[in-house]
């Protein structure tokens, strides 16, 4: 049995903006609706890995679904909002204007320390990641090799849970676009 965690392709959105916190919230909504950048092609290794997978899982976000199509997936086994990226809080501040990266770091840290501002809490998101890992493991027990075309933060937490469940991986969870890692478990 194998579970492959792959990060989606590069979203087609400008990340080099300076925004206030309220504008950052609108930017996050656009990011969640963004298609993938057709200029950022997947590496051949990602395409080959997809061909070897017998069951494909995606979130319901466009960047996950389009990434699966781009690597040659003709038919999804499952597309479910359970597998969406961990939500990003924001605020209604009009000042200061910071980069998208700065706001991402600020709000991810604040989120980890309990600030959720109307989005899924950190605790709830970690529980959802645990449920995702268990669901992927269950699918792997039926289908053999499961590929999840997912998201950076969620993949990291799924990987952490898979390791707790006894799954092994030589590498790290995927961080870059199109990067993937393969988890396996020894049969009992």
C-alpha atoms as a PDB file:
ATOM      1  CA  UNK A   1       0.000   0.000   0.000  1.00  0.00           C
ATOM      2  CA  UNK A   2       1.150   3.509  -0.817  1.00  0.00           C
ATOM      3  CA  UNK A   3      -0.121   7.018  -0.255  1.00  0.00           C
ATOM      4  CA  UNK A   4       1.358   9.737  -2.433  1.00  0.00           C
ATOM      5  CA  UNK A   5       1.006  13.310  -1.224  1.00  0.00           C
ATOM      6  CA  UNK A   6       1.506  15.785  -4.071  1.00  0.00           C
ATOM      7  CA  UNK A   7       1.235  19.543  -3.932  1.00  0.00           C
ATOM      8  CA  UNK A   8      -0.836  21.178  -6.654  1.00  0.00           C
ATOM      9  CA  UNK A   9       0.612  23.267  -9.486  1.00  0.00           C
ATOM     10  CA  UNK A  10       1.394  26.962  -9.164  1.00  0.00           C
ATOM     11  CA  UNK A  11      -1.795  29.066  -8.892  1.00  0.00           C
ATOM     12  CA  UNK A  12      -2.279  31.825 -11.424  1.00  0.00           C
ATOM     13  CA  UNK A  13      -2.273  34.786  -9.033  1.00  0.00           C
ATOM     14  CA  UNK A  14       0.051  37.656  -8.245  1.00  0.00           C
ATOM     15  CA  UNK A  15       1.881  37.039  -4.963  1.00  0.00           C
ATOM     16  CA  UNK A  16       3.979  40.206  -5.167  1.00  0.00           C
ATOM     17  CA  UNK A  17       1.411  42.679  -3.905  1.00  0.00           C
ATOM     18  CA  UNK A  18       1.362  44.979  -0.908  1.00  0.00           C
ATOM     19  CA  UNK A  19      -2.020  44.815   0.799  1.00  0.00           C
ATOM     20  CA  UNK A  20      -3.708  45.773   4.011  1.00  0.00           C
ATOM     21  CA  UNK A  21      -5.237  42.994   6.125  1.00  0.00           C
ATOM     22  CA  UNK A  22      -8.721  43.446   4.651  1.00  0.00           C
ATOM     23  CA  UNK A  23      -7.347  43.308   1.102  1.00  0.00           C
ATOM     24  CA  UNK A  24      -5.346  40.216   2.076  1.00  0.00           C
ATOM     25  CA  UNK A  25      -8.635  38.494   3.001  1.00  0.00           C
ATOM     26  CA  UNK A  26      -9.976  39.227  -0.495  1.00  0.00           C
ATOM     27  CA  UNK A  27      -6.684  38.016  -1.991  1.00  0.00           C
ATOM     28  CA  UNK A  28      -7.039  34.678  -0.116  1.00  0.00           C
ATOM     29  CA  UNK A  29     -10.509  34.238  -1.623  1.00  0.00           C
ATOM     30  CA  UNK A  30      -9.067  34.854  -5.103  1.00  0.00           C
ATOM     31  CA  UNK A  31      -6.229  32.410  -4.379  1.00  0.00           C
ATOM     32  CA  UNK A  32      -8.754  29.734  -3.399  1.00  0.00           C
ATOM     33  CA  UNK A  33     -10.623  30.260  -6.693  1.00  0.00           C
ATOM     34  CA  UNK A  34      -7.503  30.580  -8.877  1.00  0.00           C
ATOM     35  CA  UNK A  35      -6.695  28.262 -11.743  1.00  0.00           C
ATOM     36  CA  UNK A  36      -3.174  26.917 -12.112  1.00  0.00           C
ATOM     37  CA  UNK A  37      -0.518  28.672 -14.184  1.00  0.00           C
ATOM     38  CA  UNK A  38      -0.264  26.873 -17.533  1.00  0.00           C
ATOM     39  CA  UNK A  39       3.336  28.086 -17.868  1.00  0.00           C
ATOM     40  CA  UNK A  40       4.432  26.128 -14.769  1.00  0.00           C
ATOM     41  CA  UNK A  41       4.439  22.589 -16.150  1.00  0.00           C
ATOM     42  CA  UNK A  42       4.620  19.529 -13.885  1.00  0.00           C
ATOM     43  CA  UNK A  43       7.879  17.566 -13.919  1.00  0.00           C
ATOM     44  CA  UNK A  44       7.885  14.202 -15.679  1.00  0.00           C
ATOM     45  CA  UNK A  45       8.350  12.461 -12.306  1.00  0.00           C
ATOM     46  CA  UNK A  46       4.968  13.828 -11.117  1.00  0.00           C
ATOM     47  CA  UNK A  47       3.275  12.629 -14.309  1.00  0.00           C
ATOM     48  CA  UNK A  48       4.844   9.178 -13.950  1.00  0.00           C
ATOM     49  CA  UNK A  49       3.811   8.960 -10.312  1.00  0.00           C
ATOM     50  CA  UNK A  50       0.227   9.805 -11.272  1.00  0.00           C
ATOM     51  CA  UNK A  51       0.241   7.014 -13.876  1.00  0.00           C
ATOM     52  CA  UNK A  52       1.290   4.511 -11.191  1.00  0.00           C
ATOM     53  CA  UNK A  53      -1.524   5.529  -8.830  1.00  0.00           C
ATOM     54  CA  UNK A  54      -4.746   3.522  -8.848  1.00  0.00           C
ATOM     55  CA  UNK A  55      -7.007   5.941  -6.952  1.00  0.00           C
ATOM     56  CA  UNK A  56      -6.882   9.753  -7.111  1.00  0.00           C
ATOM     57  CA  UNK A  57      -8.111  12.125  -4.402  1.00  0.00           C
ATOM     58  CA  UNK A  58      -8.473  15.907  -4.763  1.00  0.00           C
ATOM     59  CA  UNK A  59      -9.978  18.710  -2.766  1.00  0.00           C
ATOM     60  CA  UNK A  60     -12.836  20.702  -4.220  1.00  0.00           C
ATOM     61  CA  UNK A  61     -10.562  23.691  -4.911  1.00  0.00           C
ATOM     62  CA  UNK A  62      -9.788  24.561  -8.528  1.00  0.00           C
ATOM     63  CA  UNK A  63      -6.007  24.338  -8.133  1.00  0.00           C
ATOM     64  CA  UNK A  64      -6.265  20.738  -6.905  1.00  0.00           C
ATOM     65  CA  UNK A  65      -8.718  19.644  -9.604  1.00  0.00           C
ATOM     66  CA  UNK A  66      -6.858  21.358 -12.466  1.00  0.00           C
ATOM     67  CA  UNK A  67      -3.548  19.959 -11.254  1.00  0.00           C
ATOM     68  CA  UNK A  68      -4.938  16.423 -11.450  1.00  0.00           C
ATOM     69  CA  UNK A  69      -6.028  17.023 -15.053  1.00  0.00           C
ATOM     70  CA  UNK A  70      -2.655  18.557 -15.923  1.00  0.00           C
ATOM     71  CA  UNK A  71      -0.762  15.455 -14.760  1.00  0.00           C
ATOM     72  CA  UNK A  72      -2.993  13.262 -16.898  1.00  0.00           C
ATOM     73  CA  UNK A  73      -5.697  12.111 -14.510  1.00  0.00           C
ATOM     74  CA  UNK A  74      -8.780  11.356 -16.557  1.00  0.00           C
ATOM     75  CA  UNK A  75     -11.043  10.212 -13.749  1.00  0.00           C
ATOM     76  CA  UNK A  76     -10.984  11.137 -10.082  1.00  0.00           C
ATOM     77  CA  UNK A  77     -11.799   8.613  -7.405  1.00  0.00           C
ATOM     78  CA  UNK A  78     -12.814  11.310  -4.911  1.00  0.00           C
ATOM     79  CA  UNK A  79     -13.090  15.103  -4.781  1.00  0.00           C
ATOM     80  CA  UNK A  80     -14.161  16.310  -1.362  1.00  0.00           C
ATOM     81  CA  UNK A  81     -14.086  19.614   0.572  1.00  0.00           C
ATOM     82  CA  UNK A  82     -12.705  17.612   3.514  1.00  0.00           C
ATOM     83  CA  UNK A  83      -9.383  17.739   1.634  1.00  0.00           C
ATOM     84  CA  UNK A  84      -9.363  21.533   1.088  1.00  0.00           C
ATOM     85  CA  UNK A  85      -6.433  23.615   2.275  1.00  0.00           C
ATOM     86  CA  UNK A  86      -6.358  24.766   5.877  1.00  0.00           C
ATOM     87  CA  UNK A  87      -8.143  28.082   6.002  1.00  0.00           C
ATOM     88  CA  UNK A  88      -6.356  31.406   6.451  1.00  0.00           C
ATOM     89  CA  UNK A  89      -7.750  33.992   8.874  1.00  0.00           C
ATOM     90  CA  UNK A  90      -7.478  37.707   8.195  1.00  0.00           C
ATOM     91  CA  UNK A  91      -8.647  40.948   9.788  1.00  0.00           C
ATOM     92  CA  UNK A  92     -10.538  44.085   8.825  1.00  0.00           C
ATOM     93  CA  UNK A  93      -7.564  46.429   9.274  1.00  0.00           C
ATOM     94  CA  UNK A  94      -6.893  49.117   6.682  1.00  0.00           C
ATOM     95  CA  UNK A  95      -3.314  49.687   7.858  1.00  0.00           C
ATOM     96  CA  UNK A  96      -0.484  48.703   7.393  1.00  0.00           C
ATOM     97  CA  UNK A  97       0.168  47.513   3.854  1.00  0.00           C
ATOM     98  CA  UNK A  98       2.426  44.462   3.843  1.00  0.00           C
ATOM     99  CA  UNK A  99       3.437  41.827   1.335  1.00  0.00           C
ATOM    100  CA  UNK A 100       1.274  38.751   0.784  1.00  0.00           C
ATOM    101  CA  UNK A 101       4.068  36.647   2.285  1.00  0.00           C
ATOM    102  CA  UNK A 102       4.248  38.809   5.416  1.00  0.00           C
ATOM    103  CA  UNK A 103       0.479  38.595   5.975  1.00  0.00           C
ATOM    104  CA  UNK A 104       0.567  34.838   5.350  1.00  0.00           C
ATOM    105  CA  UNK A 105       3.206  34.369   8.044  1.00  0.00           C
ATOM    106  CA  UNK A 106       1.501  36.747  10.504  1.00  0.00           C
ATOM    107  CA  UNK A 107      -1.928  35.176  10.147  1.00  0.00           C
ATOM    108  CA  UNK A 108      -0.655  31.555  10.104  1.00  0.00           C
ATOM    109  CA  UNK A 109       1.199  32.188  13.363  1.00  0.00           C
ATOM    110  CA  UNK A 110      -1.781  33.993  14.892  1.00  0.00           C
ATOM    111  CA  UNK A 111      -4.008  31.100  13.755  1.00  0.00           C
ATOM    112  CA  UNK A 112      -1.710  28.546  15.408  1.00  0.00           C
ATOM    113  CA  UNK A 113      -2.017  30.544  18.643  1.00  0.00           C
ATOM    114  CA  UNK A 114      -5.816  30.623  18.556  1.00  0.00           C
ATOM    115  CA  UNK A 115      -6.867  33.511  16.291  1.00  0.00           C
ATOM    116  CA  UNK A 116      -9.366  32.162  13.764  1.00  0.00           C
ATOM    117  CA  UNK A 117     -11.524  35.204  12.851  1.00  0.00           C
ATOM    118  CA  UNK A 118     -14.441  33.180  11.547  1.00  0.00           C
ATOM    119  CA  UNK A 119     -12.480  30.426   9.803  1.00  0.00           C
ATOM    120  CA  UNK A 120     -11.855  26.865  10.942  1.00  0.00           C
ATOM    121  CA  UNK A 121      -9.798  26.843  14.142  1.00  0.00           C
ATOM    122  CA  UNK A 122      -6.285  25.409  14.233  1.00  0.00           C
ATOM    123  CA  UNK A 123      -7.506  22.609  16.516  1.00  0.00           C
ATOM    124  CA  UNK A 124     -10.368  21.737  14.147  1.00  0.00           C
ATOM    125  CA  UNK A 125      -8.047  21.847  11.122  1.00  0.00           C
ATOM    126  CA  UNK A 126      -5.584  19.462  12.802  1.00  0.00           C
ATOM    127  CA  UNK A 127      -8.468  17.095  13.574  1.00  0.00           C
ATOM    128  CA  UNK A 128      -9.612  17.309   9.944  1.00  0.00           C
ATOM    129  CA  UNK A 129      -6.051  16.474   8.805  1.00  0.00           C
ATOM    130  CA  UNK A 130      -6.092  13.413  11.075  1.00  0.00           C
ATOM    131  CA  UNK A 131      -9.397  12.352   9.519  1.00  0.00           C
ATOM    132  CA  UNK A 132      -7.950  12.897   6.035  1.00  0.00           C
ATOM    133  CA  UNK A 133      -4.942  10.702   6.857  1.00  0.00           C
ATOM    134  CA  UNK A 134      -7.209   7.949   8.166  1.00  0.00           C
ATOM    135  CA  UNK A 135      -9.426   8.198   5.082  1.00  0.00           C
ATOM    136  CA  UNK A 136      -6.420   8.016   2.730  1.00  0.00           C
ATOM    137  CA  UNK A 137      -5.126   4.966   4.634  1.00  0.00           C
ATOM    138  CA  UNK A 138      -8.518   3.313   4.301  1.00  0.00           C
ATOM    139  CA  UNK A 139      -8.578   4.029   0.567  1.00  0.00           C
ATOM    140  CA  UNK A 140      -5.047   2.628   0.202  1.00  0.00           C
ATOM    141  CA  UNK A 141      -6.130  -0.605   1.896  1.00  0.00           C
ATOM    142  CA  UNK A 142      -8.740  -1.016  -0.853  1.00  0.00           C
ATOM    143  CA  UNK A 143      -7.001   0.480  -3.907  1.00  0.00           C
ATOM    144  CA  UNK A 144      -3.271  -0.051  -3.305  1.00  0.00           C
ATOM    145  CA  UNK A 145      -1.693   3.246  -4.381  1.00  0.00           C
ATOM    146  CA  UNK A 146      -3.608   6.426  -3.595  1.00  0.00           C
ATOM    147  CA  UNK A 147      -2.524   9.829  -4.901  1.00  0.00           C
ATOM    148  CA  UNK A 148      -3.727  12.940  -3.089  1.00  0.00           C
ATOM    149  CA  UNK A 149      -3.255  16.100  -5.163  1.00  0.00           C
ATOM    150  CA  UNK A 150      -3.397  18.443  -2.244  1.00  0.00           C
ATOM    151  CA  UNK A 151      -2.221  21.585  -0.527  1.00  0.00           C
ATOM    152  CA  UNK A 152       0.903  22.661   1.333  1.00  0.00           C
ATOM    153  CA  UNK A 153      -0.298  23.010   4.924  1.00  0.00           C
ATOM    154  CA  UNK A 154      -2.786  20.158   4.805  1.00  0.00           C
ATOM    155  CA  UNK A 155      -0.223  17.817   3.233  1.00  0.00           C
ATOM    156  CA  UNK A 156       2.204  18.623   6.061  1.00  0.00           C
ATOM    157  CA  UNK A 157      -0.348  17.718   8.732  1.00  0.00           C
ATOM    158  CA  UNK A 158      -1.538  14.623   6.855  1.00  0.00           C
ATOM    159  CA  UNK A 159       2.091  13.464   6.617  1.00  0.00           C
ATOM    160  CA  UNK A 160       2.563  13.986  10.349  1.00  0.00           C
ATOM    161  CA  UNK A 161      -0.533  11.859  11.043  1.00  0.00           C
ATOM    162  CA  UNK A 162       0.484   9.141   8.583  1.00  0.00           C
ATOM    163  CA  UNK A 163       3.815   8.792  10.382  1.00  0.00           C
ATOM    164  CA  UNK A 164       2.002   8.492  13.726  1.00  0.00           C
ATOM    165  CA  UNK A 165      -0.057   5.710  12.136  1.00  0.00           C
ATOM    166  CA  UNK A 166       3.107   3.819  11.139  1.00  0.00           C
ATOM    167  CA  UNK A 167       3.467   4.925   7.523  1.00  0.00           C
ATOM    168  CA  UNK A 168       7.064   5.415   6.362  1.00  0.00           C
ATOM    169  CA  UNK A 169       8.566   7.964   4.001  1.00  0.00           C
ATOM    170  CA  UNK A 170      12.189   8.650   3.131  1.00  0.00           C
ATOM    171  CA  UNK A 171      11.529  12.288   2.233  1.00  0.00           C
ATOM    172  CA  UNK A 172       9.741  15.297   3.626  1.00  0.00           C
ATOM    173  CA  UNK A 173       6.150  16.370   2.939  1.00  0.00           C
ATOM    174  CA  UNK A 174       5.837  18.217  -0.400  1.00  0.00           C
ATOM    175  CA  UNK A 175       6.292  21.974  -0.115  1.00  0.00           C
ATOM    176  CA  UNK A 176       6.966  23.186  -3.658  1.00  0.00           C
ATOM    177  CA  UNK A 177       4.468  23.115  -6.483  1.00  0.00           C
ATOM    178  CA  UNK A 178       4.277  19.665  -8.117  1.00  0.00           C
ATOM    179  CA  UNK A 179       6.524  18.146  -5.434  1.00  0.00           C
ATOM    180  CA  UNK A 180       5.426  14.796  -3.983  1.00  0.00           C
ATOM    181  CA  UNK A 181       6.381  12.272  -1.326  1.00  0.00           C
ATOM    182  CA  UNK A 182       5.509   8.587  -1.145  1.00  0.00           C
ATOM    183  CA  UNK A 183       4.389   6.912   2.085  1.00  0.00           C
ATOM    184  CA  UNK A 184       4.201   3.161   2.502  1.00  0.00           C
ATOM    185  CA  UNK A 185       3.321   0.768   5.264  1.00  0.00           C
ATOM    186  CA  UNK A 186       4.603  -2.713   5.761  1.00  0.00           C
ATOM    187  CA  UNK A 187       1.910  -5.370   5.525  1.00  0.00           C
ATOM    188  CA  UNK A 188       1.133  -7.071   8.819  1.00  0.00           C
END
